[in-house]
Amino acid sequence: MDVAKLLKPDSVHCGLSARSKKHALELLSQALAASSEAANAEEILEGLIQRERLGCTGLGRSVAMPHTRLSGLDQSIGAFLRLDDAVDFDSVDGAPVDLLFGLLVPEDCDDDQIREVRELIERLGDSALQQQLHQAEEPAQLYELLTESLTIIHKTSRA
């Protein structure tokens, strides 16, 4: 997955404060809506909440990957938030979350797209990458880390 194709520099944010998991999802919905013409923030939030009801998207070690499928979407769209303070997210390890990678995928995505999302989830679980994401001081650094780290891993896994 070429992360640079789904994540725009202006959809990466840091220094945000969320009061709760729902508030973090609201902030993420707004960031995703700003990058999508297919849906507004309220529709995206509803999709993210529905997905959370199926099972928590908290991956552990302070990372979550809230995602939902949307009709009318031609390609996947992403947004990344780093919160100032972690929020309880009902993660598998019980740790609060401060790194959120949100993803909108087309309703009719194929098996290859699902495989790529799974690869992305696996890579986001890397503790060295997480440490770098926590240490980055501005959105441009976060964007570079996300696009270079995640995309390079994918390219080398296909070789």
N, C-alpha and C. Protein backbone atom coordinates (compact mmCIF):
# COMPACT_ATOMS: atom_id res chain seq x y z
N MET A 1 0.85 -1.18 0.00
CA MET A 1 0.00 0.00 0.00
C MET A 1 0.89 1.23 0.00
N ASP A 2 0.65 2.09 -0.95
CA ASP A 2 1.36 3.35 -1.00
C ASP A 2 0.61 4.33 -0.10
N VAL A 3 1.09 4.49 1.10
CA VAL A 3 0.41 5.32 2.10
C VAL A 3 0.28 6.76 1.63
N ALA A 4 1.22 7.24 0.83
CA ALA A 4 1.15 8.61 0.33
C ALA A 4 -0.07 8.82 -0.57
N LYS A 5 -0.62 7.76 -1.13
CA LYS A 5 -1.81 7.90 -1.96
C LYS A 5 -3.09 8.04 -1.14
N LEU A 6 -3.06 7.56 0.09
CA LEU A 6 -4.28 7.66 0.91
C LEU A 6 -4.17 8.69 2.03
N LEU A 7 -2.97 9.15 2.30
CA LEU A 7 -2.76 10.10 3.39
C LEU A 7 -2.16 11.38 2.82
N LYS A 8 -2.87 12.50 2.98
CA LYS A 8 -2.38 13.79 2.52
C LYS A 8 -1.67 14.50 3.67
N PRO A 9 -0.70 15.35 3.36
CA PRO A 9 -0.01 16.07 4.44
C PRO A 9 -0.96 16.84 5.37
N ASP A 10 -2.03 17.41 4.81
CA ASP A 10 -2.94 18.17 5.67
C ASP A 10 -3.95 17.30 6.41
N SER A 11 -3.84 15.98 6.28
CA SER A 11 -4.71 15.08 7.05
C SER A 11 -3.95 14.42 8.20
N VAL A 12 -2.78 14.97 8.51
CA VAL A 12 -1.96 14.50 9.63
C VAL A 12 -1.92 15.61 10.66
N HIS A 13 -2.29 15.28 11.89
CA HIS A 13 -2.41 16.30 12.94
C HIS A 13 -1.75 15.83 14.23
N CYS A 14 -1.18 16.76 14.96
CA CYS A 14 -0.68 16.47 16.30
C CYS A 14 -1.05 17.63 17.21
N GLY A 15 -0.92 17.38 18.51
CA GLY A 15 -1.24 18.42 19.47
C GLY A 15 -2.73 18.58 19.71
N LEU A 16 -3.50 17.54 19.43
CA LEU A 16 -4.94 17.60 19.65
C LEU A 16 -5.31 17.03 21.01
N SER A 17 -6.39 17.54 21.57
CA SER A 17 -6.88 17.04 22.85
C SER A 17 -8.26 16.43 22.65
N ALA A 18 -8.42 15.23 23.18
CA ALA A 18 -9.72 14.55 23.14
C ALA A 18 -10.11 14.18 24.57
N ARG A 19 -11.38 14.33 24.85
CA ARG A 19 -11.89 14.04 26.19
C ARG A 19 -12.22 12.57 26.38
N SER A 20 -12.46 11.86 25.27
CA SER A 20 -12.93 10.48 25.34
C SER A 20 -12.68 9.79 24.01
N LYS A 21 -12.98 8.51 23.98
CA LYS A 21 -12.88 7.75 22.73
C LYS A 21 -13.80 8.35 21.68
N LYS A 22 -15.03 8.66 22.07
CA LYS A 22 -15.98 9.22 21.11
C LYS A 22 -15.48 10.56 20.58
N HIS A 23 -14.94 11.38 21.45
CA HIS A 23 -14.42 12.67 21.00
C HIS A 23 -13.24 12.47 20.04
N ALA A 24 -12.37 11.50 20.32
CA ALA A 24 -11.25 11.20 19.41
C ALA A 24 -11.79 10.76 18.05
N LEU A 25 -12.86 9.95 18.05
CA LEU A 25 -13.47 9.52 16.79
C LEU A 25 -14.10 10.71 16.05
N GLU A 26 -14.65 11.65 16.79
CA GLU A 26 -15.20 12.86 16.17
C GLU A 26 -14.10 13.67 15.48
N LEU A 27 -12.98 13.85 16.17
CA LEU A 27 -11.85 14.57 15.59
C LEU A 27 -11.33 13.85 14.34
N LEU A 28 -11.25 12.54 14.42
CA LEU A 28 -10.79 11.75 13.29
C LEU A 28 -11.77 11.85 12.12
N SER A 29 -13.06 11.83 12.41
CA SER A 29 -14.08 11.96 11.37
C SER A 29 -13.96 13.29 10.64
N GLN A 30 -13.69 14.34 11.38
CA GLN A 30 -13.52 15.65 10.76
C GLN A 30 -12.30 15.67 9.84
N ALA A 31 -11.20 15.06 10.28
CA ALA A 31 -9.99 15.00 9.46
C ALA A 31 -10.23 14.17 8.20
N LEU A 32 -10.93 13.06 8.33
CA LEU A 32 -11.23 12.22 7.17
C LEU A 32 -12.18 12.93 6.20
N ALA A 33 -13.17 13.63 6.75
CA ALA A 33 -14.14 14.34 5.90
C ALA A 33 -13.46 15.45 5.10
N ALA A 34 -12.46 16.08 5.69
CA ALA A 34 -11.75 17.14 4.99
C ALA A 34 -10.99 16.61 3.77
N SER A 35 -10.70 15.31 3.76
CA SER A 35 -9.98 14.69 2.64
C SER A 35 -10.89 13.94 1.69
N SER A 36 -12.19 13.93 1.98
CA SER A 36 -13.12 13.13 1.18
C SER A 36 -14.28 13.97 0.69
N GLU A 37 -14.63 13.76 -0.56
CA GLU A 37 -15.83 14.41 -1.10
C GLU A 37 -17.02 13.46 -1.03
N ALA A 38 -16.77 12.22 -0.63
CA ALA A 38 -17.80 11.19 -0.64
C ALA A 38 -18.72 11.23 0.58
N ALA A 39 -18.25 11.82 1.69
CA ALA A 39 -19.06 11.80 2.91
C ALA A 39 -18.70 12.98 3.80
N ASN A 40 -19.64 13.31 4.68
CA ASN A 40 -19.36 14.36 5.65
C ASN A 40 -18.95 13.73 6.98
N ALA A 41 -18.53 14.57 7.91
CA ALA A 41 -18.00 14.09 9.18
C ALA A 41 -19.02 13.27 9.97
N GLU A 42 -20.30 13.65 9.90
CA GLU A 42 -21.32 12.92 10.64
C GLU A 42 -21.50 11.50 10.10
N GLU A 43 -21.50 11.36 8.78
CA GLU A 43 -21.62 10.03 8.17
C GLU A 43 -20.40 9.16 8.50
N ILE A 44 -19.25 9.77 8.46
CA ILE A 44 -18.02 9.03 8.77
C ILE A 44 -18.03 8.60 10.23
N LEU A 45 -18.40 9.52 11.12
CA LEU A 45 -18.45 9.19 12.55
C LEU A 45 -19.40 8.02 12.79
N GLU A 46 -20.55 8.04 12.17
CA GLU A 46 -21.51 6.95 12.34
C GLU A 46 -20.90 5.62 11.88
N GLY A 47 -20.19 5.63 10.75
CA GLY A 47 -19.53 4.42 10.27
C GLY A 47 -18.46 3.93 11.22
N LEU A 48 -17.66 4.86 11.76
CA LEU A 48 -16.61 4.48 12.71
C LEU A 48 -17.21 3.89 13.99
N ILE A 49 -18.28 4.50 14.47
CA ILE A 49 -18.93 4.01 15.69
C ILE A 49 -19.52 2.62 15.44
N GLN A 50 -20.17 2.43 14.29
CA GLN A 50 -20.72 1.11 13.95
C GLN A 50 -19.61 0.07 13.93
N ARG A 51 -18.47 0.42 13.36
CA ARG A 51 -17.34 -0.53 13.29
C ARG A 51 -16.82 -0.84 14.68
N GLU A 52 -16.74 0.16 15.55
CA GLU A 52 -16.28 -0.07 16.93
C GLU A 52 -17.21 -1.01 17.68
N ARG A 53 -18.49 -0.98 17.34
CA ARG A 53 -19.45 -1.89 18.00
C ARG A 53 -19.18 -3.34 17.63
N LEU A 54 -18.58 -3.57 16.47
CA LEU A 54 -18.24 -4.93 16.05
C LEU A 54 -17.02 -5.45 16.79
N GLY A 55 -16.18 -4.56 17.24
CA GLY A 55 -14.96 -4.91 17.95
C GLY A 55 -14.04 -3.71 17.95
N CYS A 56 -13.36 -3.53 19.03
CA CYS A 56 -12.49 -2.37 19.19
C CYS A 56 -11.36 -2.39 18.17
N THR A 57 -11.06 -1.22 17.63
CA THR A 57 -9.96 -1.08 16.67
C THR A 57 -8.66 -0.64 17.34
N GLY A 58 -8.66 -0.64 18.66
CA GLY A 58 -7.43 -0.36 19.39
C GLY A 58 -6.47 -1.53 19.23
N LEU A 59 -5.30 -1.27 18.66
CA LEU A 59 -4.34 -2.33 18.35
C LEU A 59 -3.44 -2.69 19.52
N GLY A 60 -3.42 -1.84 20.54
CA GLY A 60 -2.52 -2.04 21.67
C GLY A 60 -1.35 -1.08 21.58
N ARG A 61 -0.65 -0.94 22.69
CA ARG A 61 0.53 -0.07 22.78
C ARG A 61 0.26 1.33 22.27
N SER A 62 -0.88 1.88 22.60
CA SER A 62 -1.28 3.27 22.35
C SER A 62 -1.73 3.57 20.93
N VAL A 63 -1.96 2.56 20.10
CA VAL A 63 -2.34 2.77 18.71
C VAL A 63 -3.74 2.21 18.43
N ALA A 64 -4.50 2.96 17.62
CA ALA A 64 -5.81 2.48 17.14
C ALA A 64 -5.91 2.77 15.65
N MET A 65 -6.67 1.93 14.97
CA MET A 65 -6.89 2.13 13.54
C MET A 65 -8.38 2.06 13.25
N PRO A 66 -9.12 3.09 13.66
CA PRO A 66 -10.55 3.12 13.34
C PRO A 66 -10.75 3.18 11.83
N HIS A 67 -11.68 2.40 11.33
CA HIS A 67 -11.91 2.36 9.89
C HIS A 67 -13.37 2.00 9.62
N THR A 68 -13.79 2.32 8.41
CA THR A 68 -15.14 1.98 7.98
C THR A 68 -15.18 1.92 6.46
N ARG A 69 -16.16 1.21 5.96
CA ARG A 69 -16.39 1.16 4.51
C ARG A 69 -17.43 2.22 4.16
N LEU A 70 -17.24 2.83 2.98
CA LEU A 70 -18.17 3.86 2.52
C LEU A 70 -18.55 3.62 1.07
N SER A 71 -19.83 3.75 0.78
CA SER A 71 -20.24 3.69 -0.62
C SER A 71 -19.91 5.02 -1.28
N GLY A 72 -19.67 4.98 -2.58
CA GLY A 72 -19.34 6.19 -3.32
C GLY A 72 -17.89 6.59 -3.25
N LEU A 73 -17.09 5.79 -2.59
CA LEU A 73 -15.67 6.07 -2.46
C LEU A 73 -14.91 5.29 -3.53
N ASP A 74 -14.04 5.98 -4.28
CA ASP A 74 -13.27 5.33 -5.35
C ASP A 74 -11.99 4.68 -4.83
N GLN A 75 -11.39 5.31 -3.84
CA GLN A 75 -10.15 4.78 -3.28
C GLN A 75 -10.11 5.06 -1.78
N SER A 76 -9.25 4.34 -1.09
CA SER A 76 -9.14 4.51 0.36
C SER A 76 -8.58 5.89 0.69
N ILE A 77 -9.00 6.40 1.85
CA ILE A 77 -8.59 7.71 2.34
C ILE A 77 -8.19 7.56 3.81
N GLY A 78 -7.09 8.20 4.18
CA GLY A 78 -6.62 8.09 5.55
C GLY A 78 -6.42 9.43 6.22
N ALA A 79 -6.35 9.39 7.54
CA ALA A 79 -6.00 10.55 8.36
C ALA A 79 -5.29 10.02 9.60
N PHE A 80 -4.40 10.83 10.14
CA PHE A 80 -3.64 10.42 11.32
C PHE A 80 -3.71 11.51 12.37
N LEU A 81 -3.96 11.12 13.61
CA LEU A 81 -3.99 12.05 14.73
C LEU A 81 -3.05 11.56 15.82
N ARG A 82 -2.30 12.48 16.38
CA ARG A 82 -1.56 12.19 17.61
C ARG A 82 -2.12 13.12 18.68
N LEU A 83 -2.69 12.51 19.69
CA LEU A 83 -3.31 13.27 20.77
C LEU A 83 -2.27 13.67 21.81
N ASP A 84 -2.50 14.80 22.46
CA ASP A 84 -1.61 15.23 23.53
C ASP A 84 -1.67 14.26 24.71
N ASP A 85 -2.88 13.83 25.03
CA ASP A 85 -3.08 12.89 26.14
C ASP A 85 -3.88 11.70 25.64
N ALA A 86 -3.43 10.51 25.98
CA ALA A 86 -4.10 9.28 25.55
C ALA A 86 -5.48 9.17 26.21
N VAL A 87 -6.39 8.52 25.47
CA VAL A 87 -7.75 8.29 25.97
C VAL A 87 -8.01 6.79 26.05
N ASP A 88 -8.88 6.40 26.97
CA ASP A 88 -9.28 5.00 27.07
C ASP A 88 -9.98 4.61 25.78
N PHE A 89 -9.55 3.52 25.16
CA PHE A 89 -10.09 3.12 23.86
C PHE A 89 -10.57 1.68 23.87
N ASP A 90 -10.59 1.05 25.04
CA ASP A 90 -10.97 -0.36 25.15
C ASP A 90 -10.05 -1.25 24.32
N SER A 91 -8.78 -0.89 24.24
CA SER A 91 -7.81 -1.64 23.44
C SER A 91 -7.58 -3.04 24.02
N VAL A 92 -7.05 -3.92 23.19
CA VAL A 92 -6.83 -5.30 23.59
C VAL A 92 -5.90 -5.41 24.79
N ASP A 93 -4.94 -4.49 24.92
CA ASP A 93 -4.02 -4.54 26.04
C ASP A 93 -4.42 -3.62 27.19
N GLY A 94 -5.54 -2.93 27.04
CA GLY A 94 -6.02 -2.03 28.08
C GLY A 94 -5.32 -0.69 28.12
N ALA A 95 -4.31 -0.50 27.28
CA ALA A 95 -3.56 0.76 27.28
C ALA A 95 -4.37 1.85 26.58
N PRO A 96 -4.31 3.08 27.09
CA PRO A 96 -4.99 4.18 26.41
C PRO A 96 -4.31 4.48 25.07
N VAL A 97 -5.03 5.18 24.20
CA VAL A 97 -4.59 5.43 22.82
C VAL A 97 -4.32 6.91 22.60
N ASP A 98 -3.19 7.20 21.95
CA ASP A 98 -2.93 8.58 21.54
C ASP A 98 -2.49 8.66 20.07
N LEU A 99 -2.33 7.53 19.40
CA LEU A 99 -2.00 7.49 17.97
C LEU A 99 -3.17 6.84 17.23
N LEU A 100 -3.82 7.61 16.37
CA LEU A 100 -4.99 7.09 15.64
C LEU A 100 -4.77 7.23 14.14
N PHE A 101 -4.84 6.13 13.44
CA PHE A 101 -4.75 6.13 11.98
C PHE A 101 -6.15 5.74 11.50
N GLY A 102 -6.88 6.72 10.99
CA GLY A 102 -8.23 6.48 10.50
C GLY A 102 -8.21 6.13 9.02
N LEU A 103 -9.13 5.26 8.63
CA LEU A 103 -9.15 4.81 7.25
C LEU A 103 -10.57 4.64 6.76
N LEU A 104 -10.84 5.23 5.58
CA LEU A 104 -12.09 5.00 4.87
C LEU A 104 -11.75 4.13 3.68
N VAL A 105 -12.47 3.03 3.51
CA VAL A 105 -12.23 2.14 2.37
C VAL A 105 -13.52 2.03 1.56
N PRO A 106 -13.37 1.83 0.24
CA PRO A 106 -14.57 1.67 -0.60
C PRO A 106 -15.41 0.49 -0.12
N GLU A 107 -16.71 0.65 -0.21
CA GLU A 107 -17.63 -0.40 0.25
C GLU A 107 -17.36 -1.73 -0.45
N ASP A 108 -16.96 -1.67 -1.70
CA ASP A 108 -16.73 -2.89 -2.48
C ASP A 108 -15.24 -3.21 -2.63
N CYS A 109 -14.44 -2.95 -1.59
CA CYS A 109 -13.01 -3.21 -1.70
C CYS A 109 -12.76 -4.71 -1.87
N ASP A 110 -11.68 -5.01 -2.59
CA ASP A 110 -11.39 -6.41 -2.91
C ASP A 110 -10.41 -7.02 -1.90
N ASP A 111 -10.09 -8.30 -2.10
CA ASP A 111 -9.21 -9.02 -1.18
C ASP A 111 -7.83 -8.40 -1.08
N ASP A 112 -7.31 -7.87 -2.20
CA ASP A 112 -5.99 -7.23 -2.16
C ASP A 112 -6.00 -6.01 -1.25
N GLN A 113 -7.07 -5.22 -1.32
CA GLN A 113 -7.17 -4.03 -0.46
C GLN A 113 -7.27 -4.44 1.01
N ILE A 114 -8.01 -5.49 1.30
CA ILE A 114 -8.12 -5.98 2.68
C ILE A 114 -6.75 -6.46 3.18
N ARG A 115 -6.01 -7.16 2.34
CA ARG A 115 -4.68 -7.63 2.69
C ARG A 115 -3.76 -6.45 2.99
N GLU A 116 -3.86 -5.41 2.18
CA GLU A 116 -3.02 -4.23 2.39
C GLU A 116 -3.36 -3.53 3.70
N VAL A 117 -4.64 -3.49 4.06
CA VAL A 117 -5.03 -2.90 5.34
C VAL A 117 -4.44 -3.73 6.48
N ARG A 118 -4.49 -5.03 6.36
CA ARG A 118 -3.91 -5.90 7.40
C ARG A 118 -2.41 -5.67 7.53
N GLU A 119 -1.72 -5.49 6.41
CA GLU A 119 -0.28 -5.18 6.45
C GLU A 119 -0.03 -3.86 7.16
N LEU A 120 -0.87 -2.88 6.87
CA LEU A 120 -0.74 -1.57 7.51
C LEU A 120 -0.94 -1.68 9.02
N ILE A 121 -1.95 -2.44 9.42
CA ILE A 121 -2.21 -2.65 10.84
C ILE A 121 -1.00 -3.30 11.51
N GLU A 122 -0.44 -4.31 10.86
CA GLU A 122 0.72 -4.99 11.42
C GLU A 122 1.89 -4.03 11.59
N ARG A 123 2.14 -3.21 10.60
CA ARG A 123 3.26 -2.27 10.66
C ARG A 123 3.05 -1.21 11.74
N LEU A 124 1.82 -0.77 11.93
CA LEU A 124 1.55 0.22 12.97
C LEU A 124 1.81 -0.33 14.37
N GLY A 125 1.87 -1.63 14.49
CA GLY A 125 2.17 -2.26 15.77
C GLY A 125 3.65 -2.28 16.10
N ASP A 126 4.50 -1.81 15.20
CA ASP A 126 5.94 -1.81 15.41
C ASP A 126 6.32 -0.78 16.47
N SER A 127 6.97 -1.24 17.52
CA SER A 127 7.28 -0.33 18.64
C SER A 127 8.28 0.76 18.26
N ALA A 128 9.21 0.47 17.36
CA ALA A 128 10.17 1.50 16.94
C ALA A 128 9.46 2.62 16.19
N LEU A 129 8.54 2.26 15.31
CA LEU A 129 7.77 3.28 14.59
C LEU A 129 6.91 4.07 15.56
N GLN A 130 6.27 3.41 16.50
CA GLN A 130 5.46 4.11 17.48
C GLN A 130 6.28 5.11 18.27
N GLN A 131 7.48 4.72 18.66
CA GLN A 131 8.34 5.64 19.40
C GLN A 131 8.67 6.87 18.55
N GLN A 132 8.97 6.65 17.28
CA GLN A 132 9.27 7.77 16.38
C GLN A 132 8.05 8.68 16.23
N LEU A 133 6.87 8.09 16.12
CA LEU A 133 5.64 8.89 15.99
C LEU A 133 5.39 9.72 17.24
N HIS A 134 5.72 9.17 18.41
CA HIS A 134 5.56 9.92 19.65
C HIS A 134 6.58 11.06 19.76
N GLN A 135 7.72 10.89 19.17
CA GLN A 135 8.78 11.89 19.30
C GLN A 135 8.71 12.99 18.24
N ALA A 136 8.02 12.77 17.15
CA ALA A 136 7.91 13.78 16.10
C ALA A 136 7.28 15.04 16.67
N GLU A 137 7.79 16.18 16.25
CA GLU A 137 7.34 17.44 16.83
C GLU A 137 6.30 18.18 16.01
N GLU A 138 6.12 17.82 14.76
CA GLU A 138 5.15 18.53 13.93
C GLU A 138 4.54 17.59 12.89
N PRO A 139 3.39 18.00 12.34
CA PRO A 139 2.69 17.14 11.37
C PRO A 139 3.54 16.71 10.18
N ALA A 140 4.40 17.58 9.68
CA ALA A 140 5.22 17.21 8.52
C ALA A 140 6.14 16.04 8.85
N GLN A 141 6.68 16.01 10.06
CA GLN A 141 7.52 14.88 10.47
C GLN A 141 6.70 13.61 10.58
N LEU A 142 5.51 13.72 11.13
CA LEU A 142 4.63 12.56 11.23
C LEU A 142 4.29 12.02 9.84
N TYR A 143 3.96 12.93 8.94
CA TYR A 143 3.61 12.52 7.57
C TYR A 143 4.77 11.77 6.92
N GLU A 144 5.96 12.30 7.05
CA GLU A 144 7.13 11.66 6.46
C GLU A 144 7.35 10.27 7.05
N LEU A 145 7.26 10.17 8.37
CA LEU A 145 7.43 8.86 9.03
C LEU A 145 6.39 7.86 8.53
N LEU A 146 5.14 8.29 8.48
CA LEU A 146 4.07 7.39 8.06
C LEU A 146 4.20 6.95 6.61
N THR A 147 4.44 7.89 5.74
CA THR A 147 4.49 7.54 4.32
C THR A 147 5.75 6.75 3.97
N GLU A 148 6.88 7.12 4.53
CA GLU A 148 8.11 6.41 4.21
C GLU A 148 8.18 5.06 4.90
N SER A 149 7.92 4.99 6.18
CA SER A 149 8.02 3.73 6.92
C SER A 149 7.02 2.70 6.42
N LEU A 150 5.79 3.10 6.30
CA LEU A 150 4.74 2.14 5.94
C LEU A 150 4.84 1.72 4.48
N THR A 151 5.14 2.64 3.59
CA THR A 151 5.22 2.31 2.17
C THR A 151 6.45 1.47 1.86
N ILE A 152 7.59 1.78 2.43
CA ILE A 152 8.81 1.01 2.17
C ILE A 152 8.64 -0.44 2.60
N ILE A 153 8.05 -0.65 3.74
CA ILE A 153 7.83 -2.01 4.22
C ILE A 153 6.99 -2.78 3.21
N HIS A 154 5.97 -2.15 2.69
CA HIS A 154 5.10 -2.83 1.72
C HIS A 154 5.86 -3.17 0.45
N LYS A 155 6.62 -2.24 -0.06
CA LYS A 155 7.36 -2.48 -1.30
C LYS A 155 8.37 -3.62 -1.13
N THR A 156 9.07 -3.64 0.00
CA THR A 156 10.05 -4.70 0.18
C THR A 156 9.38 -6.05 0.43
N SER A 157 8.17 -6.05 0.96
CA SER A 157 7.49 -7.33 1.22
C SER A 157 7.02 -7.97 -0.08
N ARG A 158 6.92 -7.21 -1.14
CA ARG A 158 6.50 -7.75 -2.43
C ARG A 158 7.69 -8.25 -3.27
N ALA A 159 8.89 -7.85 -2.88
CA ALA A 159 10.07 -8.21 -3.68
C ALA A 159 10.37 -9.69 -3.60
